[in-house]
Amino acid sequence: MSNLFDATDAPEGEPLQIVAGDFVQWKVSNLVDDYPTDSYTLIYTARISGARDEFQITATGETSHYLITASSTSGYTPGNYDWQQEIVRNSDSARIVLKRGTWKVLPDLDNAGTDLRSHAALMVSKIESILVGKADSDVSSYSIKGRSLSKMSFQELIEARDYYRAEYQKEKSAEDAKNGRKGVSTIQVRF
């Protein structure tokens, strides 16, 4: 194994996943012939899917490659990010998007409060806990001094829970397919 803190050991090409809080670096060598490092700047822009959380990483131009270093990733929100590789001409700041892809930012297990469940799994759990307590506090809305609060009805909670259960099942099926596991199937037999 090589020392991943050493720039000379940086892997070629973008990572598939990043652990929030980790030092990450990689290099891109195939661009320097067409985009010399003294005339161009390489930038990665990444945005978490469906949200506004975004970050940029500007590469350092070496003689034979661009070196991309993210030394402080602790602020990255776990989730799937869409990224694009951009080359910027230094003389006039003209930009071209060269490549796109996705990263998965994983939560840091060193954080004591890290919950590894997906958003869908968390929502199923939270909605089910509300349903359990629903009988104890069965007031759907109330008003105090001109301020009012409305709660979701029992039926709305059931619909939301069913929605998030389906989302969670999709996530599990996709993960199983990615890992080569077959999902649960029903085989019907007639005698």
N, C-alpha and C. Protein backbone atom coordinates (compact mmCIF):
# COMPACT_ATOMS: atom_id res chain seq x y z
N MET A 1 0.84 -1.18 0.00
CA MET A 1 0.00 0.00 0.00
C MET A 1 0.89 1.24 0.00
N SER A 2 0.43 2.26 -0.70
CA SER A 2 1.19 3.50 -0.77
C SER A 2 0.65 4.52 0.25
N ASN A 3 1.46 5.54 0.51
CA ASN A 3 1.10 6.59 1.45
C ASN A 3 0.17 7.57 0.74
N LEU A 4 -1.10 7.57 1.09
CA LEU A 4 -2.09 8.39 0.41
C LEU A 4 -2.00 9.88 0.76
N PHE A 5 -1.16 10.23 1.75
CA PHE A 5 -0.90 11.64 2.05
C PHE A 5 0.18 12.21 1.13
N ASP A 6 0.98 11.34 0.52
CA ASP A 6 2.08 11.73 -0.35
C ASP A 6 1.53 12.01 -1.75
N ALA A 7 1.77 13.21 -2.26
CA ALA A 7 1.26 13.61 -3.58
C ALA A 7 1.78 12.71 -4.69
N THR A 8 2.98 12.17 -4.54
CA THR A 8 3.52 11.29 -5.58
C THR A 8 2.76 9.96 -5.65
N ASP A 9 2.06 9.60 -4.58
CA ASP A 9 1.28 8.36 -4.55
C ASP A 9 -0.20 8.60 -4.83
N ALA A 10 -0.57 9.82 -5.18
CA ALA A 10 -1.99 10.12 -5.45
C ALA A 10 -2.48 9.25 -6.60
N PRO A 11 -3.66 8.62 -6.43
CA PRO A 11 -4.19 7.78 -7.50
C PRO A 11 -4.62 8.62 -8.71
N GLU A 12 -4.62 8.02 -9.85
CA GLU A 12 -5.06 8.66 -11.09
C GLU A 12 -6.59 8.57 -11.17
N GLY A 13 -7.23 9.69 -11.42
CA GLY A 13 -8.69 9.70 -11.62
C GLY A 13 -9.47 9.95 -10.35
N GLU A 14 -10.72 10.31 -10.55
CA GLU A 14 -11.61 10.71 -9.47
C GLU A 14 -11.99 9.54 -8.57
N PRO A 15 -12.15 9.81 -7.28
CA PRO A 15 -12.62 8.75 -6.38
C PRO A 15 -14.11 8.50 -6.60
N LEU A 16 -14.57 7.32 -6.21
CA LEU A 16 -15.99 7.01 -6.29
C LEU A 16 -16.72 7.43 -5.02
N GLN A 17 -15.96 7.45 -3.91
CA GLN A 17 -16.56 7.87 -2.65
C GLN A 17 -15.53 8.58 -1.79
N ILE A 18 -16.05 9.43 -0.90
CA ILE A 18 -15.24 10.22 0.01
C ILE A 18 -15.85 10.08 1.40
N VAL A 19 -15.04 9.85 2.40
CA VAL A 19 -15.53 9.82 3.77
C VAL A 19 -15.41 11.25 4.31
N ALA A 20 -16.53 11.81 4.77
CA ALA A 20 -16.53 13.17 5.30
C ALA A 20 -15.49 13.28 6.41
N GLY A 21 -14.60 14.24 6.29
CA GLY A 21 -13.54 14.43 7.27
C GLY A 21 -12.19 13.92 6.81
N ASP A 22 -12.17 13.11 5.74
CA ASP A 22 -10.90 12.55 5.25
C ASP A 22 -10.15 13.53 4.36
N PHE A 23 -8.83 13.39 4.34
CA PHE A 23 -7.96 14.04 3.37
C PHE A 23 -8.07 13.21 2.09
N VAL A 24 -8.34 13.87 0.97
CA VAL A 24 -8.52 13.16 -0.30
C VAL A 24 -7.71 13.87 -1.38
N GLN A 25 -7.00 13.10 -2.19
CA GLN A 25 -6.32 13.70 -3.34
C GLN A 25 -6.25 12.70 -4.48
N TRP A 26 -6.18 13.22 -5.69
CA TRP A 26 -6.01 12.41 -6.88
C TRP A 26 -5.37 13.28 -7.95
N LYS A 27 -4.94 12.64 -9.00
CA LYS A 27 -4.32 13.41 -10.08
C LYS A 27 -4.99 13.09 -11.41
N VAL A 28 -4.87 14.03 -12.32
CA VAL A 28 -5.40 13.89 -13.68
C VAL A 28 -4.25 14.22 -14.62
N SER A 29 -3.77 13.22 -15.34
CA SER A 29 -2.60 13.40 -16.20
C SER A 29 -2.95 13.60 -17.67
N ASN A 30 -4.11 13.10 -18.10
CA ASN A 30 -4.42 13.10 -19.53
C ASN A 30 -4.82 14.46 -20.10
N LEU A 31 -4.84 15.50 -19.31
CA LEU A 31 -5.24 16.82 -19.80
C LEU A 31 -4.08 17.76 -20.12
N VAL A 32 -2.91 17.49 -19.56
CA VAL A 32 -1.83 18.48 -19.64
C VAL A 32 -1.31 18.72 -21.04
N ASP A 33 -1.43 17.77 -21.97
CA ASP A 33 -0.99 18.01 -23.34
C ASP A 33 -1.87 19.05 -24.04
N ASP A 34 -3.19 18.94 -23.85
CA ASP A 34 -4.13 19.87 -24.48
C ASP A 34 -4.35 21.14 -23.66
N TYR A 35 -4.23 21.00 -22.35
CA TYR A 35 -4.47 22.13 -21.43
C TYR A 35 -3.28 22.26 -20.48
N PRO A 36 -2.17 22.87 -20.94
CA PRO A 36 -0.99 22.99 -20.09
C PRO A 36 -1.31 23.71 -18.78
N THR A 37 -0.70 23.24 -17.71
CA THR A 37 -1.02 23.74 -16.37
C THR A 37 -0.66 25.21 -16.16
N ASP A 38 0.23 25.76 -16.98
CA ASP A 38 0.57 27.18 -16.81
C ASP A 38 -0.43 28.10 -17.51
N SER A 39 -1.31 27.55 -18.36
CA SER A 39 -2.29 28.37 -19.08
C SER A 39 -3.74 28.09 -18.68
N TYR A 40 -3.96 26.99 -17.96
CA TYR A 40 -5.31 26.58 -17.61
C TYR A 40 -5.40 26.19 -16.13
N THR A 41 -6.62 26.23 -15.60
CA THR A 41 -6.89 25.81 -14.23
C THR A 41 -7.98 24.74 -14.27
N LEU A 42 -7.77 23.68 -13.51
CA LEU A 42 -8.75 22.59 -13.43
C LEU A 42 -9.54 22.75 -12.13
N ILE A 43 -10.87 22.70 -12.23
CA ILE A 43 -11.75 22.87 -11.08
C ILE A 43 -12.79 21.75 -11.08
N TYR A 44 -13.08 21.23 -9.90
CA TYR A 44 -14.20 20.30 -9.73
C TYR A 44 -15.27 21.02 -8.93
N THR A 45 -16.49 21.01 -9.45
CA THR A 45 -17.64 21.55 -8.73
C THR A 45 -18.57 20.39 -8.45
N ALA A 46 -18.99 20.26 -7.19
CA ALA A 46 -19.86 19.14 -6.79
C ALA A 46 -21.05 19.67 -6.02
N ARG A 47 -22.22 19.09 -6.29
CA ARG A 47 -23.45 19.49 -5.60
C ARG A 47 -24.20 18.23 -5.20
N ILE A 48 -24.65 18.22 -3.95
CA ILE A 48 -25.41 17.07 -3.46
C ILE A 48 -26.72 16.99 -4.24
N SER A 49 -27.08 15.80 -4.65
CA SER A 49 -28.26 15.60 -5.49
C SER A 49 -29.51 16.13 -4.82
N GLY A 50 -30.23 16.99 -5.52
CA GLY A 50 -31.49 17.52 -5.03
C GLY A 50 -31.37 18.61 -3.99
N ALA A 51 -30.20 19.17 -3.78
CA ALA A 51 -30.05 20.21 -2.75
C ALA A 51 -29.09 21.29 -3.24
N ARG A 52 -28.84 22.27 -2.39
CA ARG A 52 -27.96 23.37 -2.75
C ARG A 52 -26.56 23.23 -2.17
N ASP A 53 -26.32 22.19 -1.35
CA ASP A 53 -24.98 21.99 -0.78
C ASP A 53 -24.00 21.79 -1.92
N GLU A 54 -23.01 22.68 -2.02
CA GLU A 54 -22.07 22.63 -3.13
C GLU A 54 -20.68 22.95 -2.61
N PHE A 55 -19.68 22.37 -3.25
CA PHE A 55 -18.30 22.74 -2.97
C PHE A 55 -17.49 22.69 -4.24
N GLN A 56 -16.37 23.41 -4.23
CA GLN A 56 -15.44 23.42 -5.36
C GLN A 56 -14.06 23.05 -4.86
N ILE A 57 -13.32 22.35 -5.72
CA ILE A 57 -11.93 22.01 -5.44
C ILE A 57 -11.12 22.47 -6.65
N THR A 58 -10.15 23.32 -6.42
CA THR A 58 -9.29 23.80 -7.50
C THR A 58 -7.99 23.02 -7.47
N ALA A 59 -7.61 22.49 -8.62
CA ALA A 59 -6.41 21.66 -8.73
C ALA A 59 -5.16 22.53 -8.75
N THR A 60 -4.07 21.92 -8.33
CA THR A 60 -2.75 22.53 -8.45
C THR A 60 -2.14 22.03 -9.75
N GLY A 61 -1.60 22.93 -10.54
CA GLY A 61 -0.99 22.54 -11.80
C GLY A 61 0.46 22.10 -11.61
N GLU A 62 0.71 20.84 -11.82
CA GLU A 62 2.08 20.30 -11.78
C GLU A 62 2.59 20.23 -13.22
N THR A 63 3.81 19.81 -13.43
CA THR A 63 4.37 19.73 -14.79
C THR A 63 3.68 18.65 -15.62
N SER A 64 3.48 17.48 -15.01
CA SER A 64 2.96 16.34 -15.78
C SER A 64 1.50 16.02 -15.49
N HIS A 65 0.88 16.73 -14.56
CA HIS A 65 -0.51 16.41 -14.20
C HIS A 65 -1.12 17.55 -13.37
N TYR A 66 -2.42 17.46 -13.20
CA TYR A 66 -3.13 18.32 -12.25
C TYR A 66 -3.30 17.51 -10.97
N LEU A 67 -3.03 18.12 -9.82
CA LEU A 67 -3.19 17.47 -8.52
C LEU A 67 -4.39 18.10 -7.82
N ILE A 68 -5.36 17.27 -7.49
CA ILE A 68 -6.57 17.73 -6.83
C ILE A 68 -6.49 17.30 -5.37
N THR A 69 -6.59 18.25 -4.45
CA THR A 69 -6.46 17.96 -3.02
C THR A 69 -7.62 18.59 -2.26
N ALA A 70 -8.30 17.75 -1.49
CA ALA A 70 -9.36 18.22 -0.58
C ALA A 70 -8.90 17.85 0.82
N SER A 71 -8.31 18.81 1.51
CA SER A 71 -7.74 18.51 2.83
C SER A 71 -8.74 18.64 3.96
N SER A 72 -9.83 19.34 3.73
CA SER A 72 -10.82 19.53 4.79
C SER A 72 -12.20 19.19 4.25
N THR A 73 -12.61 17.94 4.41
CA THR A 73 -13.90 17.49 3.91
C THR A 73 -14.91 17.30 5.04
N SER A 74 -14.57 17.75 6.25
CA SER A 74 -15.46 17.54 7.39
C SER A 74 -16.80 18.26 7.23
N GLY A 75 -16.86 19.30 6.43
CA GLY A 75 -18.10 20.02 6.21
C GLY A 75 -18.98 19.42 5.13
N TYR A 76 -18.52 18.38 4.46
CA TYR A 76 -19.31 17.76 3.41
C TYR A 76 -20.49 17.01 4.02
N THR A 77 -21.67 17.26 3.53
CA THR A 77 -22.87 16.57 3.98
C THR A 77 -22.91 15.19 3.33
N PRO A 78 -23.07 14.11 4.11
CA PRO A 78 -23.16 12.78 3.50
C PRO A 78 -24.31 12.72 2.50
N GLY A 79 -24.07 12.02 1.41
CA GLY A 79 -25.07 11.86 0.36
C GLY A 79 -24.41 11.68 -0.99
N ASN A 80 -25.21 11.64 -2.03
CA ASN A 80 -24.72 11.48 -3.40
C ASN A 80 -24.54 12.85 -4.03
N TYR A 81 -23.37 13.08 -4.58
CA TYR A 81 -23.04 14.36 -5.21
C TYR A 81 -22.83 14.15 -6.71
N ASP A 82 -23.38 15.07 -7.49
CA ASP A 82 -23.07 15.15 -8.91
C ASP A 82 -21.92 16.13 -9.04
N TRP A 83 -20.88 15.75 -9.81
CA TRP A 83 -19.74 16.66 -9.98
C TRP A 83 -19.47 16.88 -11.45
N GLN A 84 -18.78 17.98 -11.70
CA GLN A 84 -18.29 18.22 -13.06
C GLN A 84 -16.86 18.73 -13.00
N GLN A 85 -16.11 18.28 -13.98
CA GLN A 85 -14.71 18.67 -14.13
C GLN A 85 -14.68 19.82 -15.14
N GLU A 86 -14.15 20.94 -14.71
CA GLU A 86 -14.14 22.14 -15.54
C GLU A 86 -12.71 22.57 -15.80
N ILE A 87 -12.44 22.98 -17.03
CA ILE A 87 -11.14 23.57 -17.35
C ILE A 87 -11.38 25.04 -17.65
N VAL A 88 -10.58 25.90 -17.04
CA VAL A 88 -10.74 27.36 -17.19
C VAL A 88 -9.47 27.92 -17.81
N ARG A 89 -9.65 28.68 -18.89
CA ARG A 89 -8.52 29.34 -19.54
C ARG A 89 -8.15 30.55 -18.70
N ASN A 90 -6.90 30.60 -18.25
CA ASN A 90 -6.46 31.67 -17.34
C ASN A 90 -6.50 33.05 -17.97
N SER A 91 -6.29 33.16 -19.27
CA SER A 91 -6.21 34.47 -19.92
C SER A 91 -7.53 35.24 -19.91
N ASP A 92 -8.66 34.53 -19.99
CA ASP A 92 -9.95 35.24 -20.04
C ASP A 92 -11.05 34.59 -19.19
N SER A 93 -10.69 33.58 -18.40
CA SER A 93 -11.63 32.87 -17.51
C SER A 93 -12.73 32.13 -18.26
N ALA A 94 -12.53 31.85 -19.54
CA ALA A 94 -13.50 31.05 -20.29
C ALA A 94 -13.46 29.62 -19.75
N ARG A 95 -14.63 29.00 -19.65
CA ARG A 95 -14.74 27.68 -19.01
C ARG A 95 -15.36 26.67 -19.95
N ILE A 96 -14.91 25.40 -19.84
CA ILE A 96 -15.51 24.28 -20.56
C ILE A 96 -15.66 23.13 -19.56
N VAL A 97 -16.85 22.53 -19.53
CA VAL A 97 -17.07 21.34 -18.71
C VAL A 97 -16.58 20.14 -19.53
N LEU A 98 -15.60 19.42 -18.99
CA LEU A 98 -15.00 18.30 -19.71
C LEU A 98 -15.62 16.95 -19.36
N LYS A 99 -16.08 16.83 -18.14
CA LYS A 99 -16.50 15.51 -17.68
C LYS A 99 -17.47 15.67 -16.52
N ARG A 100 -18.36 14.69 -16.36
CA ARG A 100 -19.29 14.68 -15.23
C ARG A 100 -19.32 13.29 -14.61
N GLY A 101 -19.71 13.25 -13.35
CA GLY A 101 -19.80 11.97 -12.66
C GLY A 101 -20.49 12.14 -11.31
N THR A 102 -20.38 11.11 -10.47
CA THR A 102 -21.00 11.16 -9.14
C THR A 102 -20.01 10.65 -8.09
N TRP A 103 -20.12 11.22 -6.91
CA TRP A 103 -19.40 10.78 -5.71
C TRP A 103 -20.42 10.45 -4.66
N LYS A 104 -20.08 9.51 -3.81
CA LYS A 104 -20.89 9.27 -2.62
C LYS A 104 -20.05 9.74 -1.45
N VAL A 105 -20.57 10.69 -0.68
CA VAL A 105 -19.89 11.15 0.53
C VAL A 105 -20.47 10.35 1.68
N LEU A 106 -19.61 9.59 2.34
CA LEU A 106 -20.01 8.73 3.44
C LEU A 106 -19.84 9.46 4.77
N PRO A 107 -20.70 9.15 5.75
CA PRO A 107 -20.55 9.79 7.06
C PRO A 107 -19.30 9.29 7.78
N ASP A 108 -18.75 10.14 8.62
CA ASP A 108 -17.58 9.80 9.43
C ASP A 108 -18.05 9.04 10.67
N LEU A 109 -17.62 7.81 10.83
CA LEU A 109 -18.04 6.98 11.96
C LEU A 109 -17.43 7.45 13.28
N ASP A 110 -16.41 8.32 13.22
CA ASP A 110 -15.82 8.85 14.44
C ASP A 110 -16.75 9.83 15.15
N ASN A 111 -17.72 10.39 14.41
CA ASN A 111 -18.69 11.30 15.03
C ASN A 111 -19.69 10.46 15.81
N ALA A 112 -19.77 10.69 17.10
CA ALA A 112 -20.60 9.86 17.98
C ALA A 112 -22.07 9.86 17.58
N GLY A 113 -22.56 10.96 17.06
CA GLY A 113 -23.98 11.04 16.72
C GLY A 113 -24.31 10.60 15.31
N THR A 114 -23.39 10.00 14.61
CA THR A 114 -23.61 9.62 13.23
C THR A 114 -24.67 8.53 13.13
N ASP A 115 -25.71 8.80 12.37
CA ASP A 115 -26.76 7.83 12.10
C ASP A 115 -26.58 7.40 10.66
N LEU A 116 -26.30 6.14 10.43
CA LEU A 116 -25.96 5.65 9.10
C LEU A 116 -27.17 5.34 8.23
N ARG A 117 -28.35 5.48 8.80
CA ARG A 117 -29.54 5.19 8.01
C ARG A 117 -29.75 6.28 6.95
N SER A 118 -30.35 5.87 5.84
CA SER A 118 -30.67 6.82 4.78
C SER A 118 -31.82 7.72 5.23
N HIS A 119 -32.06 8.77 4.45
CA HIS A 119 -33.16 9.67 4.76
C HIS A 119 -34.49 8.91 4.80
N ALA A 120 -34.70 8.03 3.82
CA ALA A 120 -35.96 7.27 3.77
C ALA A 120 -36.10 6.39 5.02
N ALA A 121 -35.04 5.71 5.43
CA ALA A 121 -35.11 4.85 6.62
C ALA A 121 -35.37 5.68 7.87
N LEU A 122 -34.74 6.84 7.98
CA LEU A 122 -34.98 7.72 9.12
C LEU A 122 -36.43 8.18 9.16
N MET A 123 -36.97 8.55 8.00
CA MET A 123 -38.35 9.04 7.96
C MET A 123 -39.34 7.94 8.34
N VAL A 124 -39.11 6.70 7.88
CA VAL A 124 -40.00 5.60 8.27
C VAL A 124 -40.00 5.46 9.79
N SER A 125 -38.82 5.48 10.38
CA SER A 125 -38.71 5.34 11.83
C SER A 125 -39.42 6.49 12.56
N LYS A 126 -39.21 7.72 12.10
CA LYS A 126 -39.81 8.88 12.77
C LYS A 126 -41.33 8.87 12.63
N ILE A 127 -41.82 8.57 11.45
CA ILE A 127 -43.28 8.55 11.24
C ILE A 127 -43.92 7.44 12.06
N GLU A 128 -43.26 6.28 12.13
CA GLU A 128 -43.82 5.19 12.94
C GLU A 128 -43.85 5.57 14.42
N SER A 129 -42.85 6.31 14.89
CA SER A 129 -42.88 6.73 16.30
C SER A 129 -44.00 7.75 16.54
N ILE A 130 -44.29 8.59 15.55
CA ILE A 130 -45.41 9.52 15.67
C ILE A 130 -46.73 8.74 15.72
N LEU A 131 -46.84 7.71 14.85
CA LEU A 131 -48.06 6.91 14.83
C LEU A 131 -48.29 6.21 16.17
N VAL A 132 -47.23 5.74 16.81
CA VAL A 132 -47.36 5.09 18.11
C VAL A 132 -47.90 6.09 19.14
N GLY A 133 -47.44 7.32 19.11
CA GLY A 133 -47.87 8.33 20.06
C GLY A 133 -49.14 9.05 19.66
N LYS A 134 -49.65 8.77 18.48
CA LYS A 134 -50.82 9.47 17.96
C LYS A 134 -52.04 9.27 18.86
N ALA A 135 -52.22 8.09 19.39
CA ALA A 135 -53.39 7.83 20.23
C ALA A 135 -53.33 8.63 21.53
N ASP A 136 -52.13 8.91 22.00
CA ASP A 136 -51.98 9.66 23.25
C ASP A 136 -52.26 11.15 23.08
N SER A 137 -52.00 11.67 21.92
CA SER A 137 -52.20 13.10 21.69
C SER A 137 -52.99 13.27 20.40
N ASP A 138 -54.24 12.92 20.42
CA ASP A 138 -55.03 12.85 19.20
C ASP A 138 -55.71 14.17 18.85
N VAL A 139 -55.06 15.29 19.12
CA VAL A 139 -55.58 16.59 18.73
C VAL A 139 -54.94 16.94 17.39
N SER A 140 -55.76 17.23 16.37
CA SER A 140 -55.20 17.47 15.04
C SER A 140 -54.75 18.91 14.85
N SER A 141 -55.35 19.86 15.59
CA SER A 141 -54.91 21.24 15.50
C SER A 141 -55.35 21.99 16.76
N TYR A 142 -54.63 23.06 17.05
CA TYR A 142 -55.01 23.89 18.19
C TYR A 142 -54.48 25.30 17.96
N SER A 143 -55.01 26.23 18.76
CA SER A 143 -54.63 27.62 18.61
C SER A 143 -54.42 28.23 20.00
N ILE A 144 -53.33 28.99 20.15
CA ILE A 144 -53.03 29.68 21.40
C ILE A 144 -52.60 31.10 21.05
N LYS A 145 -53.32 32.09 21.60
CA LYS A 145 -53.00 33.51 21.39
C LYS A 145 -52.81 33.87 19.91
N GLY A 146 -53.69 33.40 19.09
CA GLY A 146 -53.64 33.74 17.67
C GLY A 146 -52.68 32.92 16.83
N ARG A 147 -51.91 32.06 17.45
CA ARG A 147 -51.01 31.18 16.69
C ARG A 147 -51.63 29.80 16.64
N SER A 148 -51.58 29.18 15.48
CA SER A 148 -52.19 27.86 15.36
C SER A 148 -51.19 26.85 14.84
N LEU A 149 -51.47 25.59 15.16
CA LEU A 149 -50.62 24.48 14.73
C LEU A 149 -51.53 23.35 14.27
N SER A 150 -51.24 22.82 13.11
CA SER A 150 -51.99 21.68 12.59
C SER A 150 -51.05 20.50 12.43
N LYS A 151 -51.52 19.35 12.85
CA LYS A 151 -50.74 18.12 12.74
C LYS A 151 -51.26 17.32 11.56
N MET A 152 -50.42 16.43 11.07
CA MET A 152 -50.86 15.56 9.99
C MET A 152 -51.91 14.59 10.53
N SER A 153 -52.89 14.29 9.69
CA SER A 153 -53.91 13.33 10.09
C SER A 153 -53.31 11.93 10.10
N PHE A 154 -54.03 11.00 10.71
CA PHE A 154 -53.58 9.62 10.75
C PHE A 154 -53.37 9.09 9.34
N GLN A 155 -54.32 9.38 8.44
CA GLN A 155 -54.22 8.90 7.05
C GLN A 155 -53.02 9.53 6.34
N GLU A 156 -52.77 10.82 6.58
CA GLU A 156 -51.61 11.47 5.96
C GLU A 156 -50.30 10.84 6.45
N LEU A 157 -50.25 10.51 7.73
CA LEU A 157 -49.05 9.85 8.28
C LEU A 157 -48.86 8.48 7.66
N ILE A 158 -49.93 7.72 7.51
CA ILE A 158 -49.84 6.38 6.88
C ILE A 158 -49.34 6.51 5.45
N GLU A 159 -49.87 7.48 4.71
CA GLU A 159 -49.44 7.69 3.32
C GLU A 159 -47.96 8.08 3.25
N ALA A 160 -47.53 8.97 4.15
CA ALA A 160 -46.12 9.39 4.17
C ALA A 160 -45.22 8.21 4.54
N ARG A 161 -45.64 7.43 5.54
CA ARG A 161 -44.85 6.26 5.92
C ARG A 161 -44.73 5.28 4.76
N ASP A 162 -45.84 5.01 4.07
CA ASP A 162 -45.82 4.08 2.94
C ASP A 162 -44.93 4.60 1.81
N TYR A 163 -44.95 5.91 1.58
CA TYR A 163 -44.08 6.51 0.57
C TYR A 163 -42.61 6.27 0.92
N TYR A 164 -42.23 6.58 2.17
CA TYR A 164 -40.84 6.41 2.57
C TYR A 164 -40.44 4.94 2.66
N ARG A 165 -41.37 4.06 2.99
CA ARG A 165 -41.07 2.62 2.95
C ARG A 165 -40.71 2.19 1.54
N ALA A 166 -41.49 2.66 0.57
CA ALA A 166 -41.22 2.32 -0.84
C ALA A 166 -39.86 2.87 -1.27
N GLU A 167 -39.54 4.10 -0.86
CA GLU A 167 -38.23 4.69 -1.18
C GLU A 167 -37.11 3.86 -0.57
N TYR A 168 -37.31 3.45 0.68
CA TYR A 168 -36.30 2.64 1.37
C TYR A 168 -36.13 1.29 0.67
N GLN A 169 -37.21 0.69 0.24
CA GLN A 169 -37.11 -0.59 -0.48
C GLN A 169 -36.36 -0.42 -1.80
N LYS A 170 -36.58 0.70 -2.49
CA LYS A 170 -35.83 0.98 -3.73
C LYS A 170 -34.34 1.07 -3.44
N GLU A 171 -33.99 1.78 -2.35
CA GLU A 171 -32.58 1.91 -1.96
C GLU A 171 -31.96 0.54 -1.68
N LYS A 172 -32.69 -0.28 -0.91
CA LYS A 172 -32.19 -1.61 -0.58
C LYS A 172 -32.03 -2.47 -1.83
N SER A 173 -33.00 -2.41 -2.74
CA SER A 173 -32.92 -3.19 -3.98
C SER A 173 -31.74 -2.75 -4.84
N ALA A 174 -31.53 -1.43 -4.93
CA ALA A 174 -30.40 -0.90 -5.71
C ALA A 174 -29.08 -1.33 -5.09
N GLU A 175 -28.98 -1.29 -3.75
CA GLU A 175 -27.77 -1.71 -3.05
C GLU A 175 -27.53 -3.20 -3.25
N ASP A 176 -28.59 -4.01 -3.17
CA ASP A 176 -28.47 -5.45 -3.38
C ASP A 176 -28.00 -5.75 -4.80
N ALA A 177 -28.58 -5.06 -5.78
CA ALA A 177 -28.18 -5.27 -7.18
C ALA A 177 -26.72 -4.88 -7.39
N LYS A 178 -26.30 -3.76 -6.77
CA LYS A 178 -24.91 -3.31 -6.90
C LYS A 178 -23.94 -4.32 -6.30
N ASN A 179 -24.36 -4.97 -5.21
CA ASN A 179 -23.50 -5.94 -4.54
C ASN A 179 -23.70 -7.37 -5.05
N GLY A 180 -24.50 -7.53 -6.10
CA GLY A 180 -24.67 -8.85 -6.70
C GLY A 180 -25.63 -9.76 -5.97
N ARG A 181 -26.39 -9.20 -5.03
CA ARG A 181 -27.38 -10.02 -4.31
C ARG A 181 -28.72 -9.89 -5.00
N LYS A 182 -29.43 -10.99 -5.05
CA LYS A 182 -30.76 -10.98 -5.64
C LYS A 182 -31.77 -10.57 -4.59
N GLY A 183 -32.76 -9.82 -5.01
CA GLY A 183 -33.80 -9.38 -4.10
C GLY A 183 -34.77 -10.51 -3.78
N VAL A 184 -35.67 -10.26 -2.88
CA VAL A 184 -36.68 -11.24 -2.51
C VAL A 184 -37.69 -11.34 -3.65
N SER A 185 -37.97 -12.55 -4.08
CA SER A 185 -38.93 -12.79 -5.15
C SER A 185 -40.00 -13.75 -4.68
N THR A 186 -41.15 -13.64 -5.29
CA THR A 186 -42.23 -14.57 -5.01
C THR A 186 -42.39 -15.46 -6.22
N ILE A 187 -42.36 -16.75 -5.99
CA ILE A 187 -42.56 -17.71 -7.08
C ILE A 187 -43.91 -18.37 -6.84
N GLN A 188 -44.77 -18.23 -7.82
CA GLN A 188 -46.08 -18.84 -7.69
C GLN A 188 -46.09 -20.17 -8.42
N VAL A 189 -46.65 -21.17 -7.75
CA VAL A 189 -46.70 -22.51 -8.34
C VAL A 189 -48.14 -22.99 -8.28
N ARG A 190 -48.58 -23.61 -9.35
CA ARG A 190 -49.93 -24.17 -9.39
C ARG A 190 -49.82 -25.68 -9.49
N PHE A 191 -50.61 -26.39 -8.66
CA PHE A 191 -50.60 -27.84 -8.68
C PHE A 191 -51.89 -28.36 -9.26
